[in-house]
Amino acid sequence: MKKTVISLSIAVFLLFLTGCSSDSAEKVRYDMEKLAYAAERAAERISVQPDLTTAQDSLKLKSAYQAILDYYVENRDRPEVAKNKTVLSEMGKMAISASVQLAKYHIAHRELDSAIAAYRRIGADIPAEKNDLAGANLALALTYRSVNLFDSTLALYEKIIADYYPPADSLDRINTDVISLPMDKINIARAMGDSDRVRIFTRQAVGYYNRLKTEYPNSLLFRTATVYAARVYAMNKDWDKAVDQLEQIKDSTGQIEVRAALLIANIHNDSKKEVDKAIKMYRGIIGREPDSSVIGTAMLRLGVALCSQKDYEDGRKTLAELKKKFARYPQLTAKAQLFYARAFESQGRWERALSEYQWLMENYPYTEDAFRAALHIPDHFTAENDDKLAEIWYGRAVEFYRSVAQKKRNQPIAVAANMFLADAYGRTGRWKEAIDSYDKIYSMVPETKTGAMALFNSARVAFNQLEDSALAQNYLDRLRAEFGTSDSASINQEDLPEIDPESLE
């Protein structure tokens, strides 16, 4: 009996210890969650009122993220935490998130070494799952790429491609960042001027995509890899092989999938200059899915192609139908309206064209197509040597861009508005105001190709138009310090829009 009582007492004591241990692990996680919540709230306040953010606010946010990491390091090896795998994993995810945010802080403050260390910590010091590790390595590679450390970028790309194969998660969702890396290797080799590497990386990319196609037939991976293989061939202007790849993408009826068909038609229209063949394909696409946005794009392409062949009536009719059917897609219908107006101008019907350009500006003011129209009108009068009307319309363009930039402040469209505003100032010789616009662009997108070009253009205007070599050198020095080069052409290119409108003339 005494033995039984002792055994029972030991069991209760052990149960008590186990409960304390579990509670203690939960308490550690809870305290870490409070730190993460505090950092999240601080970040939200900064994002809501970025104009009111001070250097002290940024430092406090940095300290908040560092506190999360310090807490993780101090508590992860505690026995009760180490043996609770769920708690340890959740703490690790919070630490990974904090490390990523610290890296972003360091990048924003041009502290490259610290940013690299923050990304390297993930996986090396903080255990990370496949997706988190790939994300951190990709971010690190892009950090290297942003300062033209191409060899380091390529080395990390190779690791990511090998470690993250196939480029999909456990739910079969494709990681488009990873699957595009073989293509970006080609872009980097071209930026380096290394033709041998371009050839090698092209072969590797085709091999990578063909391997995916072979190992994952009849899947989304197959379709995506096929599209990327076509893009590789297109990069090398091997249009027939690009078309051959796209023709392999079939829908459930055995037809070429409508998006693939649109890409094929675009190749015939833009690259192979087989416009009649493209027109026939666009018509076939439009007849297949009348309520798809892809069909809207096909209608835009068809309308433009018809007008380029001087079939203005049919072309404008197609563009008018597009505007009616796809009114819920303003970016698409604004393009249709721009080409609709251009068709009248190409026929020599300027008064009607002017009316249509004005309608575009009034009804779609927050589109780059309206921006183009606003500057095109005074350019037309300049070409006609009508200086009075040109001056009036340049003034209207300036006010139009200013209004959009003010109403859409801190939004991407405001960047485009300031770009056009700088152009308008340049056309009227208002060079100091042009530089002011470039400064605003840089303040909105400081770490992008657009931001770099803003610095470069400020230097160009200062030197050529203001004849202020000191000011020009100041902008070039900033460009070199922040992007590693004063040659804006060598800075990483951003993605181009899928459709780049061209003149009908």
Protein backbone atom coordinates (compact mmCIF):
# COMPACT_ATOMS: atom_id res chain seq x y z
CA MET A 1 0.00 0.00 0.00
CA LYS A 2 2.81 2.38 0.92
CA LYS A 3 4.56 1.60 -2.39
CA THR A 4 1.37 2.38 -4.28
CA VAL A 5 0.96 5.74 -2.54
CA ILE A 6 4.57 6.64 -3.31
CA SER A 7 4.15 5.66 -6.97
CA LEU A 8 0.97 7.69 -7.22
CA SER A 9 2.69 10.69 -5.66
CA ILE A 10 5.55 10.42 -8.14
CA ALA A 11 3.09 10.16 -11.04
CA VAL A 12 1.19 13.26 -9.88
CA PHE A 13 4.48 15.12 -9.42
CA LEU A 14 5.66 14.18 -12.90
CA LEU A 15 2.29 15.17 -14.35
CA PHE A 16 2.59 18.49 -12.53
CA LEU A 17 6.06 19.02 -13.98
CA THR A 18 4.84 18.14 -17.47
CA GLY A 19 1.98 20.59 -17.13
CA CYS A 20 4.31 23.31 -15.93
CA SER A 21 6.66 22.60 -18.78
CA SER A 22 3.86 22.83 -21.34
CA ASP A 23 2.45 25.96 -19.77
CA SER A 24 5.92 27.48 -19.65
CA ALA A 25 6.48 26.84 -23.39
CA GLU A 26 3.11 28.38 -24.20
CA LYS A 27 3.98 31.38 -22.03
CA VAL A 28 7.26 31.86 -23.92
CA ARG A 29 5.45 31.78 -27.24
CA TYR A 30 2.78 34.16 -25.93
CA ASP A 31 5.40 36.68 -24.84
CA MET A 32 7.07 36.45 -28.26
CA GLU A 33 3.71 36.98 -29.95
CA LYS A 34 3.28 40.19 -27.93
CA LEU A 35 6.61 41.45 -29.27
CA ALA A 36 5.59 40.55 -32.81
CA TYR A 37 2.22 42.28 -32.39
CA ALA A 38 3.89 45.44 -31.11
CA ALA A 39 6.21 45.50 -34.13
CA GLU A 40 3.27 44.90 -36.48
CA ARG A 41 1.34 47.82 -35.00
CA ALA A 42 4.37 50.11 -35.31
CA ALA A 43 4.79 49.09 -38.96
CA GLU A 44 1.10 49.75 -39.63
CA ARG A 45 1.33 53.25 -38.20
CA ILE A 46 4.28 54.02 -40.46
CA SER A 47 2.54 52.61 -43.55
CA VAL A 48 -0.64 54.62 -42.88
CA GLN A 49 1.22 57.93 -42.42
CA PRO A 50 4.54 57.57 -44.26
CA ASP A 51 4.89 61.35 -44.69
CA LEU A 52 4.92 61.81 -40.90
CA THR A 53 7.49 59.08 -40.25
CA THR A 54 10.64 60.29 -38.54
CA ALA A 55 14.09 58.72 -38.30
CA GLN A 56 13.30 57.91 -34.68
CA ASP A 57 10.14 56.04 -35.75
CA SER A 58 12.23 53.91 -38.13
CA LEU A 59 14.79 53.16 -35.43
CA LYS A 60 12.04 52.13 -33.01
CA LEU A 61 10.65 49.74 -35.61
CA LYS A 62 14.11 48.31 -36.20
CA SER A 63 14.52 47.83 -32.44
CA ALA A 64 11.12 46.10 -32.27
CA TYR A 65 12.16 43.54 -34.89
CA GLN A 66 15.54 43.06 -33.24
CA ALA A 67 13.80 42.44 -29.90
CA ILE A 68 11.86 39.57 -31.50
CA LEU A 69 15.08 37.97 -32.74
CA ASP A 70 16.86 38.47 -29.42
CA TYR A 71 13.95 36.90 -27.56
CA TYR A 72 13.97 33.93 -29.92
CA VAL A 73 17.70 33.31 -29.45
CA GLU A 74 17.43 33.64 -25.67
CA ASN A 75 14.53 31.19 -25.30
CA ARG A 76 14.69 28.63 -28.10
CA ASP A 77 17.07 26.32 -26.20
CA ARG A 78 15.05 26.24 -22.99
CA PRO A 79 14.21 22.55 -22.34
CA GLU A 80 10.45 23.10 -22.21
CA VAL A 81 10.56 25.02 -25.52
CA ALA A 82 13.02 22.75 -27.31
CA LYS A 83 10.87 19.67 -26.78
CA ASN A 84 7.62 21.39 -27.80
CA LYS A 85 8.04 21.21 -31.55
CA THR A 86 4.84 23.14 -32.30
CA VAL A 87 5.83 26.09 -30.13
CA LEU A 88 9.39 26.04 -31.43
CA SER A 89 8.19 26.03 -35.03
CA GLU A 90 5.81 28.94 -34.46
CA MET A 91 8.54 30.92 -32.73
CA GLY A 92 10.84 30.21 -35.66
CA LYS A 93 8.30 31.61 -38.12
CA MET A 94 8.04 34.81 -36.10
CA ALA A 95 11.84 35.05 -36.06
CA ILE A 96 12.00 34.53 -39.83
CA SER A 97 9.45 37.28 -40.38
CA ALA A 98 11.40 39.64 -38.12
CA SER A 99 14.65 38.86 -39.90
CA VAL A 100 13.06 39.58 -43.29
CA GLN A 101 11.73 42.91 -42.04
CA LEU A 102 15.15 43.81 -40.63
CA ALA A 103 16.70 43.02 -44.00
CA LYS A 104 14.22 45.34 -45.70
CA TYR A 105 15.06 48.06 -43.19
CA HIS A 106 18.77 47.69 -43.90
CA ILE A 107 18.19 47.78 -47.66
CA ALA A 108 16.15 50.97 -47.33
CA HIS A 109 19.01 52.53 -45.36
CA ARG A 110 21.70 51.34 -47.83
CA GLU A 111 23.18 48.96 -45.23
CA LEU A 112 23.91 46.17 -47.66
CA ASP A 113 26.13 44.02 -45.43
CA SER A 114 23.53 44.03 -42.64
CA ALA A 115 20.75 43.17 -45.10
CA ILE A 116 22.75 40.22 -46.44
CA ALA A 117 23.44 39.01 -42.89
CA ALA A 118 19.74 39.20 -42.04
CA TYR A 119 18.76 37.06 -45.03
CA ARG A 120 21.61 34.59 -44.43
CA ARG A 121 20.42 34.11 -40.86
CA ILE A 122 17.32 32.36 -42.23
CA GLY A 123 18.13 28.69 -42.67
CA ALA A 124 21.59 29.03 -41.11
CA ASP A 125 20.65 30.26 -37.63
CA ILE A 126 16.86 30.01 -37.80
CA PRO A 127 15.53 26.66 -39.05
CA ALA A 128 13.33 27.25 -42.09
CA GLU A 129 10.99 25.18 -44.22
CA LYS A 130 11.41 24.87 -47.98
CA ASN A 131 9.23 27.85 -48.90
CA ASP A 132 10.68 30.20 -46.28
CA LEU A 133 14.24 29.26 -47.20
CA ALA A 134 13.60 29.72 -50.91
CA GLY A 135 12.01 33.09 -50.23
CA ALA A 136 14.95 34.26 -48.15
CA ASN A 137 17.51 33.05 -50.67
CA LEU A 138 15.60 34.69 -53.51
CA ALA A 139 15.39 37.98 -51.60
CA LEU A 140 19.12 37.77 -50.93
CA ALA A 141 19.82 37.06 -54.61
CA LEU A 142 17.73 40.05 -55.66
CA THR A 143 19.64 42.17 -53.15
CA TYR A 144 22.87 41.15 -54.86
CA ARG A 145 21.26 41.79 -58.25
CA SER A 146 20.14 45.29 -57.27
CA VAL A 147 23.77 46.35 -56.80
CA ASN A 148 25.03 44.44 -59.86
CA LEU A 149 26.82 41.69 -57.90
CA PHE A 150 25.95 39.34 -60.72
CA ASP A 151 28.26 36.42 -59.90
CA SER A 152 26.84 36.20 -56.36
CA THR A 153 23.33 36.47 -57.81
CA LEU A 154 23.93 33.63 -60.25
CA ALA A 155 25.41 31.39 -57.56
CA LEU A 156 22.32 31.81 -55.41
CA TYR A 157 20.04 31.30 -58.39
CA GLU A 158 21.74 27.96 -59.05
CA LYS A 159 21.18 26.91 -55.44
CA ILE A 160 17.53 27.94 -55.43
CA ILE A 161 16.82 26.18 -58.72
CA ALA A 162 18.42 22.96 -57.43
CA ASP A 163 16.94 23.07 -53.91
CA TYR A 164 13.45 24.10 -54.98
CA TYR A 165 12.61 21.45 -57.55
CA PRO A 166 9.94 21.12 -58.67
CA PRO A 167 9.14 24.84 -58.31
CA ALA A 168 5.83 24.21 -56.54
CA ASP A 169 4.65 23.85 -52.94
CA SER A 170 2.86 20.95 -51.28
CA LEU A 171 -0.47 22.21 -52.66
CA ASP A 172 0.93 22.21 -56.23
CA ARG A 173 0.96 26.00 -56.36
CA ILE A 174 3.71 27.09 -58.73
CA ASN A 175 6.36 29.45 -57.42
CA THR A 176 6.62 31.83 -60.37
CA ASP A 177 9.65 33.55 -58.85
CA VAL A 178 11.63 30.31 -58.89
CA ILE A 179 10.45 29.02 -62.26
CA SER A 180 11.51 32.29 -63.90
CA LEU A 181 15.10 32.18 -62.58
CA PRO A 182 16.58 30.25 -65.54
CA MET A 183 15.30 33.05 -67.79
CA ASP A 184 16.71 35.77 -65.55
CA LYS A 185 20.11 34.09 -65.70
CA ILE A 186 20.05 34.81 -69.44
CA ASN A 187 19.15 38.46 -68.74
CA ILE A 188 22.05 38.77 -66.30
CA ALA A 189 24.52 37.24 -68.76
CA ARG A 190 23.38 39.77 -71.35
CA ALA A 191 23.80 42.62 -68.86
CA MET A 192 27.34 41.33 -68.24
CA GLY A 193 28.01 41.26 -71.98
CA ASP A 194 28.98 37.58 -71.70
CA SER A 195 27.79 35.93 -74.93
CA ASP A 196 29.22 32.53 -73.95
CA ARG A 197 27.15 32.51 -70.77
CA VAL A 198 24.10 33.62 -72.73
CA ARG A 199 24.39 30.50 -74.88
CA ILE A 200 25.06 28.24 -71.89
CA PHE A 201 22.20 29.67 -69.83
CA THR A 202 19.85 29.43 -72.81
CA ARG A 203 20.59 25.70 -73.17
CA GLN A 204 20.19 25.23 -69.41
CA ALA A 205 16.85 27.06 -69.37
CA VAL A 206 15.43 25.01 -72.23
CA GLY A 207 16.67 21.83 -70.53
CA TYR A 208 15.11 22.85 -67.21
CA TYR A 209 11.71 23.55 -68.75
CA ASN A 210 11.81 20.41 -70.89
CA ARG A 211 12.59 18.36 -67.79
CA LEU A 212 9.53 19.79 -66.05
CA LYS A 213 7.41 19.05 -69.09
CA THR A 214 8.65 15.44 -69.24
CA GLU A 215 8.29 14.72 -65.52
CA TYR A 216 4.94 16.46 -64.99
CA PRO A 217 2.83 15.85 -68.12
CA ASN A 218 -0.81 16.98 -68.23
CA SER A 219 -0.31 19.36 -65.32
CA LEU A 220 -0.17 23.06 -64.59
CA LEU A 221 3.61 22.68 -64.31
CA PHE A 222 3.68 21.36 -67.87
CA ARG A 223 1.70 24.32 -69.17
CA THR A 224 3.72 26.88 -67.26
CA ALA A 225 7.05 25.35 -68.25
CA THR A 226 5.94 25.33 -71.88
CA VAL A 227 5.15 29.04 -71.75
CA TYR A 228 8.56 29.78 -70.23
CA ALA A 229 10.30 27.65 -72.86
CA ALA A 230 8.51 29.70 -75.51
CA ARG A 231 9.71 32.88 -73.82
CA VAL A 232 13.30 31.65 -73.92
CA TYR A 233 13.04 31.08 -77.66
CA ALA A 234 11.38 34.48 -78.07
CA MET A 235 14.25 36.13 -76.19
CA ASN A 236 16.52 34.77 -78.89
CA LYS A 237 14.10 35.76 -81.66
CA ASP A 238 13.57 32.13 -82.59
CA TRP A 239 9.91 32.78 -83.32
CA ASP A 240 9.07 29.47 -85.01
CA LYS A 241 10.27 27.46 -82.00
CA ALA A 242 8.39 29.79 -79.68
CA VAL A 243 5.20 29.18 -81.65
CA ASP A 244 5.87 25.42 -81.65
CA GLN A 245 6.02 25.46 -77.84
CA LEU A 246 2.83 27.47 -77.45
CA GLU A 247 0.94 25.20 -79.84
CA GLN A 248 1.51 22.35 -77.35
CA ILE A 249 -0.76 24.01 -74.79
CA LYS A 250 -4.22 22.57 -75.46
CA ASP A 251 -7.57 22.97 -73.73
CA SER A 252 -10.04 20.19 -72.90
CA THR A 253 -11.40 20.24 -76.47
CA GLY A 254 -7.96 19.72 -78.00
CA GLN A 255 -7.71 23.27 -79.31
CA ILE A 256 -4.77 25.54 -78.58
CA GLU A 257 -5.57 27.20 -75.25
CA VAL A 258 -6.92 30.71 -75.80
CA ARG A 259 -4.11 32.54 -73.96
CA ALA A 260 -1.49 30.57 -75.87
CA ALA A 261 -3.32 31.33 -79.12
CA LEU A 262 -3.23 35.04 -78.28
CA LEU A 263 0.53 34.90 -77.72
CA ILE A 264 0.98 33.10 -81.05
CA ALA A 265 -1.12 35.73 -82.83
CA ASN A 266 0.96 38.48 -81.21
CA ILE A 267 4.15 36.85 -82.48
CA HIS A 268 2.75 36.78 -86.03
CA ASN A 269 1.59 40.40 -85.70
CA ASP A 270 4.53 42.04 -83.92
CA SER A 271 7.59 39.91 -84.58
CA LYS A 272 7.02 38.10 -87.85
CA LYS A 273 5.07 40.99 -89.39
CA GLU A 274 2.46 38.56 -90.72
CA VAL A 275 -0.43 40.91 -89.96
CA ASP A 276 -3.06 39.20 -92.14
CA LYS A 277 -2.36 35.88 -90.44
CA ALA A 278 -2.55 37.56 -87.05
CA ILE A 279 -5.89 39.20 -87.90
CA LYS A 280 -7.33 35.82 -88.84
CA MET A 281 -6.12 34.35 -85.53
CA TYR A 282 -7.50 37.26 -83.49
CA ARG A 283 -10.91 36.77 -85.11
CA GLY A 284 -10.82 33.07 -84.25
CA ILE A 285 -9.90 33.79 -80.63
CA ILE A 286 -12.72 36.34 -80.23
CA GLY A 287 -15.25 33.77 -81.34
CA ARG A 288 -14.27 31.30 -78.60
CA GLU A 289 -14.78 33.05 -75.23
CA PRO A 290 -16.79 36.25 -75.61
CA ASP A 291 -16.82 37.12 -71.90
CA SER A 292 -13.15 36.68 -71.08
CA SER A 293 -10.73 39.57 -70.47
CA VAL A 294 -8.33 37.69 -72.75
CA ILE A 295 -10.88 38.17 -75.49
CA GLY A 296 -10.90 41.87 -74.72
CA THR A 297 -7.16 41.96 -75.30
CA ALA A 298 -7.63 40.04 -78.56
CA MET A 299 -10.23 42.60 -79.65
CA LEU A 300 -7.80 45.43 -78.87
CA ARG A 301 -5.09 43.73 -80.90
CA LEU A 302 -7.49 43.07 -83.76
CA GLY A 303 -8.72 46.66 -83.85
CA VAL A 304 -5.18 48.03 -83.90
CA ALA A 305 -4.07 45.53 -86.56
CA LEU A 306 -7.01 46.42 -88.81
CA CYS A 307 -6.24 50.12 -88.49
CA SER A 308 -2.58 49.47 -89.28
CA GLN A 309 -3.82 47.91 -92.54
CA LYS A 310 -5.89 51.10 -93.15
CA ASP A 311 -9.16 49.24 -92.59
CA TYR A 312 -10.25 52.06 -90.29
CA GLU A 313 -13.98 51.46 -90.29
CA ASP A 314 -13.72 47.81 -89.28
CA GLY A 315 -10.92 48.62 -86.84
CA ARG A 316 -12.88 51.37 -85.09
CA LYS A 317 -15.97 49.17 -85.00
CA THR A 318 -13.98 46.47 -83.20
CA LEU A 319 -12.57 48.99 -80.72
CA ALA A 320 -16.05 50.43 -80.07
CA GLU A 321 -17.42 46.94 -79.37
CA LEU A 322 -14.53 46.36 -76.98
CA LYS A 323 -15.31 49.54 -75.03
CA LYS A 324 -18.95 48.50 -74.71
CA LYS A 325 -18.38 44.86 -73.73
CA PHE A 326 -15.45 45.43 -71.36
CA ALA A 327 -16.34 48.69 -69.65
CA ARG A 328 -15.47 47.04 -66.32
CA TYR A 329 -11.80 46.96 -67.39
CA PRO A 330 -10.81 50.66 -67.55
CA GLN A 331 -7.14 50.03 -68.33
CA LEU A 332 -8.18 47.97 -71.36
CA THR A 333 -10.93 50.29 -72.58
CA ALA A 334 -8.69 53.36 -72.17
CA LYS A 335 -6.23 51.78 -74.60
CA ALA A 336 -9.08 51.07 -76.99
CA GLN A 337 -10.13 54.72 -76.81
CA LEU A 338 -6.56 55.90 -77.47
CA PHE A 339 -6.32 53.81 -80.63
CA TYR A 340 -9.85 54.81 -81.61
CA ALA A 341 -8.73 58.44 -81.60
CA ARG A 342 -5.49 57.65 -83.42
CA ALA A 343 -7.44 55.98 -86.20
CA PHE A 344 -9.22 59.26 -86.97
CA GLU A 345 -5.92 61.14 -86.86
CA SER A 346 -4.30 58.65 -89.23
CA GLN A 347 -7.13 59.37 -91.69
CA GLY A 348 -6.41 63.09 -91.47
CA ARG A 349 -9.57 63.77 -89.44
CA TRP A 350 -7.87 65.82 -86.72
CA GLU A 351 -10.91 67.61 -85.28
CA ARG A 352 -12.66 64.30 -84.60
CA ALA A 353 -9.43 62.84 -83.22
CA LEU A 354 -9.03 65.82 -80.88
CA SER A 355 -12.56 65.29 -79.59
CA GLU A 356 -11.82 61.61 -78.91
CA TYR A 357 -8.53 62.41 -77.16
CA GLN A 358 -10.36 64.88 -74.91
CA TRP A 359 -13.02 62.27 -74.15
CA LEU A 360 -10.26 59.86 -73.11
CA MET A 361 -8.74 62.42 -70.73
CA GLU A 362 -12.12 63.27 -69.19
CA ASN A 363 -13.35 59.70 -68.72
CA TYR A 364 -10.10 57.83 -67.98
CA PRO A 365 -7.90 60.47 -66.29
CA TYR A 366 -5.98 57.96 -64.17
CA THR A 367 -4.48 55.97 -67.05
CA GLU A 368 -1.23 56.31 -68.92
CA ASP A 369 -3.22 56.36 -72.15
CA ALA A 370 -4.86 59.62 -71.04
CA PHE A 371 -1.38 60.89 -70.14
CA ARG A 372 -0.18 60.13 -73.66
CA ALA A 373 -3.14 61.94 -75.17
CA ALA A 374 -2.57 65.05 -73.02
CA LEU A 375 0.97 65.44 -74.37
CA HIS A 376 0.21 64.30 -77.89
CA ILE A 377 -2.27 67.13 -78.50
CA PRO A 378 0.20 70.02 -78.02
CA ASP A 379 2.88 68.02 -79.84
CA HIS A 380 0.51 67.91 -82.82
CA PHE A 381 0.07 71.67 -82.80
CA THR A 382 3.85 72.16 -82.49
CA ALA A 383 4.33 69.98 -85.57
CA GLU A 384 1.73 72.13 -87.35
CA ASN A 385 3.68 75.28 -86.33
CA ASP A 386 0.66 76.55 -84.41
CA ASP A 387 2.61 77.93 -81.44
CA LYS A 388 -0.38 79.60 -79.82
CA LEU A 389 -2.50 76.45 -79.56
CA ALA A 390 0.59 74.42 -78.64
CA GLU A 391 1.26 76.74 -75.69
CA ILE A 392 -2.37 76.51 -74.54
CA TRP A 393 -2.43 72.72 -74.69
CA TYR A 394 0.97 72.31 -73.03
CA GLY A 395 -0.43 74.39 -70.17
CA ARG A 396 -3.49 72.16 -69.99
CA ALA A 397 -1.28 69.06 -69.98
CA VAL A 398 0.76 70.42 -67.07
CA GLU A 399 -2.37 71.11 -65.04
CA PHE A 400 -3.78 67.70 -65.93
CA TYR A 401 -0.67 65.87 -64.69
CA ARG A 402 -0.43 68.03 -61.57
CA SER A 403 -4.04 67.27 -60.70
CA VAL A 404 -3.59 63.52 -61.06
CA ALA A 405 -0.32 63.52 -59.11
CA GLN A 406 -1.98 65.41 -56.26
CA LYS A 407 -5.18 63.36 -56.16
CA LYS A 408 -3.31 60.03 -56.39
CA ARG A 409 -0.36 61.00 -54.22
CA ASN A 410 1.80 58.02 -53.09
CA GLN A 411 0.09 55.72 -55.59
CA PRO A 412 1.87 54.17 -58.60
CA ILE A 413 -0.10 56.28 -61.09
CA ALA A 414 1.37 59.41 -59.45
CA VAL A 415 4.84 58.26 -60.55
CA ALA A 416 3.67 58.06 -64.16
CA ALA A 417 1.97 61.47 -63.85
CA ASN A 418 5.22 63.05 -62.68
CA MET A 419 7.14 61.39 -65.50
CA PHE A 420 4.81 62.96 -68.06
CA LEU A 421 4.86 66.23 -66.13
CA ALA A 422 8.66 66.36 -66.36
CA ASP A 423 8.38 65.68 -70.09
CA ALA A 424 5.87 68.51 -70.50
CA TYR A 425 8.11 70.90 -68.56
CA GLY A 426 11.01 69.91 -70.79
CA ARG A 427 9.05 70.62 -73.96
CA THR A 428 8.34 74.15 -72.69
CA GLY A 429 11.84 74.86 -71.37
CA ARG A 430 10.88 74.80 -67.70
CA TRP A 431 13.95 72.83 -66.71
CA LYS A 432 14.08 73.52 -62.96
CA GLU A 433 10.49 72.35 -62.65
CA ALA A 434 11.37 69.27 -64.70
CA ILE A 435 14.08 68.43 -62.16
CA ASP A 436 11.58 68.96 -59.33
CA SER A 437 9.35 66.34 -60.98
CA TYR A 438 12.26 63.91 -61.28
CA ASP A 439 13.03 64.47 -57.58
CA LYS A 440 9.43 63.58 -56.71
CA ILE A 441 9.67 60.42 -58.79
CA TYR A 442 12.84 59.35 -57.02
CA SER A 443 11.31 60.01 -53.59
CA MET A 444 8.41 57.69 -54.46
CA VAL A 445 10.40 54.82 -56.02
CA PRO A 446 14.00 55.19 -54.81
CA GLU A 447 15.21 51.62 -55.36
CA THR A 448 13.91 50.95 -58.84
CA LYS A 449 14.98 51.42 -62.45
CA THR A 450 12.48 54.29 -62.61
CA GLY A 451 14.11 55.96 -59.60
CA ALA A 452 17.56 55.53 -61.12
CA MET A 453 16.41 57.05 -64.40
CA ALA A 454 14.98 60.00 -62.47
CA LEU A 455 18.42 60.69 -60.97
CA PHE A 456 20.07 60.27 -64.36
CA ASN A 457 17.58 62.58 -66.07
CA SER A 458 18.11 65.22 -63.37
CA ALA A 459 21.85 65.05 -64.06
CA ARG A 460 21.26 65.28 -67.81
CA VAL A 461 18.99 68.33 -67.51
CA ALA A 462 21.30 70.04 -65.02
CA PHE A 463 24.31 69.61 -67.31
CA ASN A 464 22.78 70.15 -70.76
CA GLN A 465 20.03 72.68 -70.11
CA LEU A 466 20.91 74.47 -66.86
CA GLU A 467 24.67 74.25 -67.53
CA ASP A 468 25.17 73.50 -63.84
CA SER A 469 27.95 70.90 -63.81
CA ALA A 470 28.12 70.83 -60.01
CA LEU A 471 24.44 69.95 -59.70
CA ALA A 472 24.77 67.36 -62.46
CA GLN A 473 27.71 65.75 -60.68
CA ASN A 474 25.73 65.66 -57.45
CA TYR A 475 23.00 63.61 -59.10
CA LEU A 476 25.54 61.28 -60.76
CA ASP A 477 27.28 60.77 -57.42
CA ARG A 478 23.97 59.81 -55.83
CA LEU A 479 23.25 57.45 -58.71
CA ARG A 480 26.65 55.79 -58.30
CA ALA A 481 26.39 55.58 -54.51
CA GLU A 482 22.89 54.12 -54.49
CA PHE A 483 22.98 51.84 -57.55
CA GLY A 484 26.69 51.05 -57.89
CA THR A 485 26.96 52.77 -61.27
CA SER A 486 26.24 56.08 -62.96
CA ASP A 487 25.29 54.27 -66.18
CA SER A 488 21.51 54.04 -65.88
CA ALA A 489 21.33 51.62 -68.80
CA SER A 490 23.13 48.93 -66.80
CA ILE A 491 20.71 49.05 -63.87
CA ASN A 492 18.29 46.13 -63.65
CA GLN A 493 15.33 46.43 -65.97
CA GLU A 494 11.81 46.29 -64.61
CA ASP A 495 9.08 44.20 -66.19
CA LEU A 496 7.52 45.74 -69.27
CA PRO A 497 3.74 45.90 -69.68
CA GLU A 498 2.24 43.03 -71.61
CA ILE A 499 0.95 45.36 -74.32
CA ASP A 500 3.00 48.33 -75.42
CA PRO A 501 0.81 50.54 -77.62
CA GLU A 502 2.37 51.54 -80.90
CA SER A 503 1.53 54.33 -83.28
CA LEU A 504 -0.82 53.53 -86.15
CA GLU A 505 1.12 55.81 -88.47
